[in-house]
Amino acid sequence: MKVKGTIRYSDLEGGHWTLEADGGDRYQLVGSVTGVQDGNKVEVDGKVEKDAMGIGMTGPQLSVKTIKVLA
């Protein structure tokens, strides 16, 4: 699935990345999140891990296949 939104960094529990999707959903990103900064508009291609739980507890985990910063 592809999701567009704004990337955010949270320093909660050692730090993690989240995606605030344009549709209002929020995902905790897992996997390689390189080349992005807090506040970037991005498109993430990945898979929602429905049975996974993270320490950030900021939403479902989205396993990142690719992430692209949008202009």
PDB file of N, CA and C in Angstrom:
ATOM      1  N   MET A   1       0.839  -1.169   0.000  1.00  0.00           N
ATOM      2  CA  MET A   1       0.000   0.000   0.000  1.00  0.00           C
ATOM      3  C   MET A   1       0.885   1.234   0.000  1.00  0.00           C
ATOM      4  N   LYS A   2       0.415   2.284  -0.627  1.00  0.00           N
ATOM      5  CA  LYS A   2       1.148   3.548  -0.658  1.00  0.00           C
ATOM      6  C   LYS A   2       0.362   4.578   0.145  1.00  0.00           C
ATOM      7  N   VAL A   3       1.075   5.296   1.006  1.00  0.00           N
ATOM      8  CA  VAL A   3       0.456   6.296   1.868  1.00  0.00           C
ATOM      9  C   VAL A   3       1.249   7.588   1.765  1.00  0.00           C
ATOM     10  N   LYS A   4       0.548   8.705   1.542  1.00  0.00           N
ATOM     11  CA  LYS A   4       1.184  10.025   1.535  1.00  0.00           C
ATOM     12  C   LYS A   4       0.860  10.725   2.845  1.00  0.00           C
ATOM     13  N   GLY A   5       1.830  11.503   3.320  1.00  0.00           N
ATOM     14  CA  GLY A   5       1.605  12.242   4.553  1.00  0.00           C
ATOM     15  C   GLY A   5       2.858  12.964   5.001  1.00  0.00           C
ATOM     16  N   THR A   6       2.857  13.349   6.262  1.00  0.00           N
ATOM     17  CA  THR A   6       3.966  14.087   6.863  1.00  0.00           C
ATOM     18  C   THR A   6       4.677  13.196   7.858  1.00  0.00           C
ATOM     19  N   ILE A   7       5.998  13.163   7.755  1.00  0.00           N
ATOM     20  CA  ILE A   7       6.786  12.335   8.659  1.00  0.00           C
ATOM     21  C   ILE A   7       7.109  13.127   9.912  1.00  0.00           C
ATOM     22  N   ARG A   8       7.044  12.445  11.048  1.00  0.00           N
ATOM     23  CA  ARG A   8       7.337  13.065  12.338  1.00  0.00           C
ATOM     24  C   ARG A   8       8.275  12.163  13.120  1.00  0.00           C
ATOM     25  N   TYR A   9       9.164  12.803  13.896  1.00  0.00           N
ATOM     26  CA  TYR A   9      10.056  12.050  14.772  1.00  0.00           C
ATOM     27  C   TYR A   9       9.617  12.283  16.209  1.00  0.00           C
ATOM     28  N   SER A  10       9.490  11.204  16.956  1.00  0.00           N
ATOM     29  CA  SER A  10       9.148  11.284  18.376  1.00  0.00           C
ATOM     30  C   SER A  10      10.318  10.725  19.178  1.00  0.00           C
ATOM     31  N   ASP A  11      10.726  11.432  20.216  1.00  0.00           N
ATOM     32  CA  ASP A  11      11.824  10.929  21.043  1.00  0.00           C
ATOM     33  C   ASP A  11      11.329  10.053  22.191  1.00  0.00           C
ATOM     34  N   LEU A  12      10.053   9.719  22.189  1.00  0.00           N
ATOM     35  CA  LEU A  12       9.459   8.842  23.184  1.00  0.00           C
ATOM     36  C   LEU A  12      10.116   7.469  23.147  1.00  0.00           C
ATOM     37  N   GLU A  13      10.475   6.943  24.310  1.00  0.00           N
ATOM     38  CA  GLU A  13      11.028   5.591  24.436  1.00  0.00           C
ATOM     39  C   GLU A  13      12.215   5.326  23.513  1.00  0.00           C
ATOM     40  N   GLY A  14      13.132   6.253  23.419  1.00  0.00           N
ATOM     41  CA  GLY A  14      14.325   6.055  22.616  1.00  0.00           C
ATOM     42  C   GLY A  14      14.222   6.549  21.192  1.00  0.00           C
ATOM     43  N   GLY A  15      13.028   6.960  20.766  1.00  0.00           N
ATOM     44  CA  GLY A  15      12.841   7.557  19.455  1.00  0.00           C
ATOM     45  C   GLY A  15      12.251   6.616  18.422  1.00  0.00           C
ATOM     46  N   HIS A  16      11.347   7.165  17.631  1.00  0.00           N
ATOM     47  CA  HIS A  16      10.785   6.425  16.507  1.00  0.00           C
ATOM     48  C   HIS A  16      10.151   7.412  15.527  1.00  0.00           C
ATOM     49  N   TRP A  17       9.947   6.945  14.300  1.00  0.00           N
ATOM     50  CA  TRP A  17       9.345   7.749  13.242  1.00  0.00           C
ATOM     51  C   TRP A  17       7.877   7.394  13.100  1.00  0.00           C
ATOM     52  N   THR A  18       7.057   8.401  12.863  1.00  0.00           N
ATOM     53  CA  THR A  18       5.647   8.179  12.584  1.00  0.00           C
ATOM     54  C   THR A  18       5.285   8.876  11.275  1.00  0.00           C
ATOM     55  N   LEU A  19       4.191   8.427  10.690  1.00  0.00           N
ATOM     56  CA  LEU A  19       3.650   9.040   9.490  1.00  0.00           C
ATOM     57  C   LEU A  19       2.241   9.509   9.802  1.00  0.00           C
ATOM     58  N   GLU A  20       2.012  10.802   9.665  1.00  0.00           N
ATOM     59  CA  GLU A  20       0.675  11.364   9.790  1.00  0.00           C
ATOM     60  C   GLU A  20       0.107  11.423   8.380  1.00  0.00           C
ATOM     61  N   ALA A  21      -0.725  10.443   8.050  1.00  0.00           N
ATOM     62  CA  ALA A  21      -1.249  10.315   6.693  1.00  0.00           C
ATOM     63  C   ALA A  21      -2.193  11.459   6.357  1.00  0.00           C
ATOM     64  N   ASP A  22      -2.242  11.809   5.076  1.00  0.00           N
ATOM     65  CA  ASP A  22      -3.121  12.883   4.611  1.00  0.00           C
ATOM     66  C   ASP A  22      -4.584  12.615   4.962  1.00  0.00           C
ATOM     67  N   GLY A  23      -4.965  11.345   5.067  1.00  0.00           N
ATOM     68  CA  GLY A  23      -6.336  10.982   5.395  1.00  0.00           C
ATOM     69  C   GLY A  23      -6.657  11.021   6.882  1.00  0.00           C
ATOM     70  N   GLY A  24      -5.643  11.329   7.714  1.00  0.00           N
ATOM     71  CA  GLY A  24      -5.870  11.442   9.149  1.00  0.00           C
ATOM     72  C   GLY A  24      -5.343  10.283   9.978  1.00  0.00           C
ATOM     73  N   ASP A  25      -4.991   9.163   9.357  1.00  0.00           N
ATOM     74  CA  ASP A  25      -4.450   8.032  10.102  1.00  0.00           C
ATOM     75  C   ASP A  25      -3.008   8.308  10.512  1.00  0.00           C
ATOM     76  N   ARG A  26      -2.556   7.608  11.549  1.00  0.00           N
ATOM     77  CA  ARG A  26      -1.164   7.734  12.005  1.00  0.00           C
ATOM     78  C   ARG A  26      -0.569   6.332  12.089  1.00  0.00           C
ATOM     79  N   TYR A  27       0.663   6.187  11.589  1.00  0.00           N
ATOM     80  CA  TYR A  27       1.359   4.907  11.584  1.00  0.00           C
ATOM     81  C   TYR A  27       2.727   5.070  12.232  1.00  0.00           C
ATOM     82  N   GLN A  28       3.159   4.032  12.942  1.00  0.00           N
ATOM     83  CA  GLN A  28       4.536   3.980  13.424  1.00  0.00           C
ATOM     84  C   GLN A  28       5.338   3.266  12.354  1.00  0.00           C
ATOM     85  N   LEU A  29       6.385   3.911  11.860  1.00  0.00           N
ATOM     86  CA  LEU A  29       7.188   3.343  10.776  1.00  0.00           C
ATOM     87  C   LEU A  29       8.257   2.418  11.323  1.00  0.00           C
ATOM     88  N   VAL A  30       8.405   1.274  10.690  1.00  0.00           N
ATOM     89  CA  VAL A  30       9.467   0.330  11.037  1.00  0.00           C
ATOM     90  C   VAL A  30      10.212  -0.035   9.773  1.00  0.00           C
ATOM     91  N   GLY A  31      11.504  -0.281   9.923  1.00  0.00           N
ATOM     92  CA  GLY A  31      12.339  -0.571   8.768  1.00  0.00           C
ATOM     93  C   GLY A  31      13.224   0.623   8.457  1.00  0.00           C
ATOM     94  N   SER A  32      13.756   0.658   7.265  1.00  0.00           N
ATOM     95  CA  SER A  32      14.693   1.709   6.869  1.00  0.00           C
ATOM     96  C   SER A  32      13.967   3.023   6.571  1.00  0.00           C
ATOM     97  N   VAL A  33      14.306   4.029   7.364  1.00  0.00           N
ATOM     98  CA  VAL A  33      13.748   5.375   7.178  1.00  0.00           C
ATOM     99  C   VAL A  33      14.941   6.327   7.068  1.00  0.00           C
ATOM    100  N   THR A  34      15.605   6.298   5.917  1.00  0.00           N
ATOM    101  CA  THR A  34      16.786   7.131   5.719  1.00  0.00           C
ATOM    102  C   THR A  34      16.486   8.255   4.749  1.00  0.00           C
ATOM    103  N   GLY A  35      17.190   9.356   4.925  1.00  0.00           N
ATOM    104  CA  GLY A  35      17.071  10.475   3.995  1.00  0.00           C
ATOM    105  C   GLY A  35      15.868  11.361   4.233  1.00  0.00           C
ATOM    106  N   VAL A  36      15.225  11.234   5.402  1.00  0.00           N
ATOM    107  CA  VAL A  36      14.058  12.059   5.707  1.00  0.00           C
ATOM    108  C   VAL A  36      14.321  12.889   6.961  1.00  0.00           C
ATOM    109  N   GLN A  37      13.544  13.945   7.092  1.00  0.00           N
ATOM    110  CA  GLN A  37      13.615  14.806   8.270  1.00  0.00           C
ATOM    111  C   GLN A  37      12.215  15.053   8.779  1.00  0.00           C
ATOM    112  N   ASP A  38      12.126  15.365  10.054  1.00  0.00           N
ATOM    113  CA  ASP A  38      10.841  15.693  10.662  1.00  0.00           C
ATOM    114  C   ASP A  38      10.166  16.801   9.861  1.00  0.00           C
ATOM    115  N   GLY A  39       8.914  16.604   9.487  1.00  0.00           N
ATOM    116  CA  GLY A  39       8.166  17.601   8.737  1.00  0.00           C
ATOM    117  C   GLY A  39       8.135  17.396   7.240  1.00  0.00           C
ATOM    118  N   ASN A  40       8.973  16.474   6.718  1.00  0.00           N
ATOM    119  CA  ASN A  40       8.958  16.189   5.271  1.00  0.00           C
ATOM    120  C   ASN A  40       7.620  15.609   4.839  1.00  0.00           C
ATOM    121  N   LYS A  41       7.147  16.024   3.665  1.00  0.00           N
ATOM    122  CA  LYS A  41       6.017  15.378   3.008  1.00  0.00           C
ATOM    123  C   LYS A  41       6.603  14.185   2.263  1.00  0.00           C
ATOM    124  N   VAL A  42       6.022  13.006   2.481  1.00  0.00           N
ATOM    125  CA  VAL A  42       6.578  11.791   1.907  1.00  0.00           C
ATOM    126  C   VAL A  42       5.484  10.889   1.349  1.00  0.00           C
ATOM    127  N   GLU A  43       5.935   9.930   0.538  1.00  0.00           N
ATOM    128  CA  GLU A  43       5.084   8.829   0.111  1.00  0.00           C
ATOM    129  C   GLU A  43       5.784   7.551   0.554  1.00  0.00           C
ATOM    130  N   VAL A  44       5.088   6.753   1.343  1.00  0.00           N
ATOM    131  CA  VAL A  44       5.649   5.513   1.857  1.00  0.00           C
ATOM    132  C   VAL A  44       4.940   4.340   1.192  1.00  0.00           C
ATOM    133  N   ASP A  45       5.733   3.415   0.688  1.00  0.00           N
ATOM    134  CA  ASP A  45       5.201   2.161   0.172  1.00  0.00           C
ATOM    135  C   ASP A  45       5.555   1.106   1.211  1.00  0.00           C
ATOM    136  N   GLY A  46       4.547   0.425   1.724  1.00  0.00           N
ATOM    137  CA  GLY A  46       4.806  -0.557   2.755  1.00  0.00           C
ATOM    138  C   GLY A  46       3.607  -1.422   3.045  1.00  0.00           C
ATOM    139  N   LYS A  47       3.687  -2.129   4.167  1.00  0.00           N
ATOM    140  CA  LYS A  47       2.640  -3.060   4.566  1.00  0.00           C
ATOM    141  C   LYS A  47       2.319  -2.834   6.036  1.00  0.00           C
ATOM    142  N   VAL A  48       1.032  -2.733   6.347  1.00  0.00           N
ATOM    143  CA  VAL A  48       0.595  -2.590   7.735  1.00  0.00           C
ATOM    144  C   VAL A  48       0.696  -3.956   8.403  1.00  0.00           C
ATOM    145  N   GLU A  49       1.414  -3.985   9.528  1.00  0.00           N
ATOM    146  CA  GLU A  49       1.567  -5.217  10.305  1.00  0.00           C
ATOM    147  C   GLU A  49       0.465  -5.229  11.362  1.00  0.00           C
ATOM    148  N   LYS A  50      -0.644  -5.892  11.069  1.00  0.00           N
ATOM    149  CA  LYS A  50      -1.837  -5.833  11.910  1.00  0.00           C
ATOM    150  C   LYS A  50      -1.652  -6.454  13.288  1.00  0.00           C
ATOM    151  N   ASP A  51      -0.801  -7.456  13.417  1.00  0.00           N
ATOM    152  CA  ASP A  51      -0.633  -8.138  14.698  1.00  0.00           C
ATOM    153  C   ASP A  51       0.578  -7.667  15.483  1.00  0.00           C
ATOM    154  N   ALA A  52       1.275  -6.642  15.005  1.00  0.00           N
ATOM    155  CA  ALA A  52       2.495  -6.169  15.651  1.00  0.00           C
ATOM    156  C   ALA A  52       2.184  -5.055  16.641  1.00  0.00           C
ATOM    157  N   MET A  53       2.954  -5.002  17.712  1.00  0.00           N
ATOM    158  CA  MET A  53       2.847  -3.946  18.711  1.00  0.00           C
ATOM    159  C   MET A  53       4.226  -3.327  18.901  1.00  0.00           C
ATOM    160  N   GLY A  54       4.278  -2.011  19.029  1.00  0.00           N
ATOM    161  CA  GLY A  54       5.538  -1.325  19.271  1.00  0.00           C
ATOM    162  C   GLY A  54       5.495  -0.575  20.582  1.00  0.00           C
ATOM    163  N   ILE A  55       6.653  -0.206  21.080  1.00  0.00           N
ATOM    164  CA  ILE A  55       6.696   0.509  22.348  1.00  0.00           C
ATOM    165  C   ILE A  55       6.203   1.936  22.220  1.00  0.00           C
ATOM    166  N   GLY A  56       6.181   2.466  21.004  1.00  0.00           N
ATOM    167  CA  GLY A  56       5.734   3.833  20.803  1.00  0.00           C
ATOM    168  C   GLY A  56       4.229   3.999  20.942  1.00  0.00           C
ATOM    169  N   MET A  57       3.484   2.954  20.647  1.00  0.00           N
ATOM    170  CA  MET A  57       2.023   2.939  20.733  1.00  0.00           C
ATOM    171  C   MET A  57       1.383   4.175  20.100  1.00  0.00           C
ATOM    172  N   THR A  58       1.856   4.521  18.908  1.00  0.00           N
ATOM    173  CA  THR A  58       1.330   5.699  18.218  1.00  0.00           C
ATOM    174  C   THR A  58       0.456   5.335  17.036  1.00  0.00           C
ATOM    175  N   GLY A  59       0.178   4.071  16.859  1.00  0.00           N
ATOM    176  CA  GLY A  59      -0.652   3.628  15.754  1.00  0.00           C
ATOM    177  C   GLY A  59      -0.141   2.308  15.227  1.00  0.00           C
ATOM    178  N   PRO A  60      -0.826   1.756  14.219  1.00  0.00           N
ATOM    179  CA  PRO A  60      -0.371   0.498  13.629  1.00  0.00           C
ATOM    180  C   PRO A  60       1.025   0.647  13.043  1.00  0.00           C
ATOM    181  N   GLN A  61       1.779  -0.444  13.056  1.00  0.00           N
ATOM    182  CA  GLN A  61       3.113  -0.417  12.470  1.00  0.00           C
ATOM    183  C   GLN A  61       3.015  -0.571  10.962  1.00  0.00           C
ATOM    184  N   LEU A  62       3.752   0.278  10.256  1.00  0.00           N
ATOM    185  CA  LEU A  62       3.844   0.243   8.802  1.00  0.00           C
ATOM    186  C   LEU A  62       5.271  -0.117   8.437  1.00  0.00           C
ATOM    187  N   SER A  63       5.461  -1.334   7.929  1.00  0.00           N
ATOM    188  CA  SER A  63       6.795  -1.784   7.498  1.00  0.00           C
ATOM    189  C   SER A  63       7.138  -1.109   6.186  1.00  0.00           C
ATOM    190  N   VAL A  64       8.210  -0.330   6.185  1.00  0.00           N
ATOM    191  CA  VAL A  64       8.593   0.481   5.036  1.00  0.00           C
ATOM    192  C   VAL A  64       9.349  -0.350   4.017  1.00  0.00           C
ATOM    193  N   LYS A  65       8.828  -0.370   2.779  1.00  0.00           N
ATOM    194  CA  LYS A  65       9.575  -0.948   1.648  1.00  0.00           C
ATOM    195  C   LYS A  65      10.405   0.169   1.015  1.00  0.00           C
ATOM    196  N   THR A  66       9.733   1.268   0.676  1.00  0.00           N
ATOM    197  CA  THR A  66      10.420   2.456   0.141  1.00  0.00           C
ATOM    198  C   THR A  66       9.788   3.701   0.728  1.00  0.00           C
ATOM    199  N   ILE A  67      10.585   4.751   0.787  1.00  0.00           N
ATOM    200  CA  ILE A  67      10.087   6.043   1.241  1.00  0.00           C
ATOM    201  C   ILE A  67      10.653   7.102   0.312  1.00  0.00           C
ATOM    202  N   LYS A  68       9.783   8.004  -0.140  1.00  0.00           N
ATOM    203  CA  LYS A  68      10.181   9.010  -1.116  1.00  0.00           C
ATOM    204  C   LYS A  68       9.745  10.385  -0.615  1.00  0.00           C
ATOM    205  N   VAL A  69      10.704  11.299  -0.537  1.00  0.00           N
ATOM    206  CA  VAL A  69      10.396  12.682  -0.146  1.00  0.00           C
ATOM    207  C   VAL A  69       9.761  13.368  -1.341  1.00  0.00           C
ATOM    208  N   LEU A  70       8.619  14.005  -1.107  1.00  0.00           N
ATOM    209  CA  LEU A  70       7.903  14.718  -2.172  1.00  0.00           C
ATOM    210  C   LEU A  70       8.315  16.186  -2.204  1.00  0.00           C
ATOM    211  N   ALA A  71       8.281  16.773  -3.379  1.00  0.00           N
ATOM    212  CA  ALA A  71       8.682  18.183  -3.529  1.00  0.00           C
ATOM    213  C   ALA A  71       7.662  19.126  -2.958  1.00  0.00           C
TER     214      ALA A  71
END
